[in-house]
Amino acid sequence: MTENSPLAGASSKTPAFVRDSFFAVGNTRIIDAVLMMFFVVRIATPGIGLPVNDVAGLLLVAIAAFRRPARQLSGTTWFTAGSIFLVSFLAIVAIATGPGQADVTRLGRILIMLLLAGFIASGRIDIISGLKGFSVGLLANIPLFYAGIAPDTYGGLLTGFLNDKNVAGFTYAIMTVLLFIIYTKTWTRIALAGAGTAAVVLTDSRTSMAALAAALIWLLCARFLGPFFRILLAGLLLSGFFFAENNLSQVGAYAAREGSDELRERIDAASLEKTLSAPWYGHGLGEATVQVVGDPWFYHNSYWGLITEGGYAFLVVMLAFLAFAGFQFLGKGKQTPEARIVEAATIVILLCSFRLGEVFITLPTFITIGIGMSIYSQRHASWTVRQAAAGPEVEGALFPIQQRVR
């Protein structure tokens, strides 16, 4: 243990299970950890009306704006350009289609999430602390739910403060993958994968189960494969995802949900019709809803939702962010283990987006983009130094070794 370790000065008799857990505070930035812990809470804030997680995100961004960046972002002008274009374009679309409260609220939320990703990438937000806080919130949500303290909004399936079983499934799935950044020992990762999978199963979100399985397979296999076989693996995982989605609905207890699946099919049909009828610039923010059997329903496809709200421009920009940050397209320098973890998290995002309605514009997605952008920048900076010096590559550690849980 070095003197720079977060546990420096701790007794050597400290139990290993405490040293190797998120209870080991060390260099944890408490403000970031606490605010990101509240990212789990999707119920309305009393007196404000906005969800608690959005308020927590706004506070975190406001605090981070007054901090100095911990690292310079190299080679990420694509994010700045894409963000400026996206916000400007969506604002123009809102004016053209008739601005309403939904446009203002949603555009503001998108702006906060873009800032969140940028501040994570620059180190203004300590993502290690944030992930620890988020994991505490997710862990606490489970006993609080079964104790009857957290809300039960879906007939006994795990929802809690996440307020929806599919949101809960997606959040537990993607955070299970992202926490691999902190927990590097094999036994802790096995335990994490098992606990995360169990939590996703408790939500009963079929889409999230299949997406998490695909992400874990990617983590196991992708590092041994070259570019061609990685593309082949991606195709196999996509095929397997749709196979599982289509066939799980006919197995066991899911076969009894025929009425629910029929309603979903009607919602999908109406959603596709509205998507295809949208002008090239979309119908405006907040328009990814349809009327079925007299009630409003959100889309069950995030790709269609982006097209409906902001046309193909909205979809292309979001996919570009995930391509560059998530899959490190055009990334320079040596690929890192953290890059593969972000790839797996991006797979969860892209797969869940086929069957869930609000995946792209969420805190977990922009956390992933922020982490991926930081990795991209560090790789680019390392490559630039190596090219200039024509010497050994300078490793730009995104996550200092003393801050990881071993």
Foldseek 3Di string as FASTA:
>chain_A
DDCQFLCRPPDPPPDLVCLQALVSCRVQPQLLLQLLLQLQAQDADPPPRHTSNLVSLVVLLVQLVPDDFPADFPPVVLLVVLLVVVLVLQVVLCVVLPHDPLQVVLSVLLNSLSSVLQSLLRVSRPVLNSLSSNVVSLVVQVVCVVVVNFDDQDDQQRCGSVNALLSQLLVLLLSLLLLCVFRPDPVVNVVSLVVSLVNNVSSVNQLSNLLSVLLVVLLVPVVVDDPVVNVVSLVVSLVSSVVSVVCVCCDDPNVVCVVVVVQLVVQQVQLVVLLVPAPQQANAGPPQWDADPRDIDHHQAQLSVQCRHGHVSSVVSLVVLCCCQQQVVVFAADDDSSNSSSVSSSSSQVSSNGGHGDRSSGNSNSNSSSSSSSSSRQRNVQRVVCVVVVDDGDHDDPQPPSSHRD
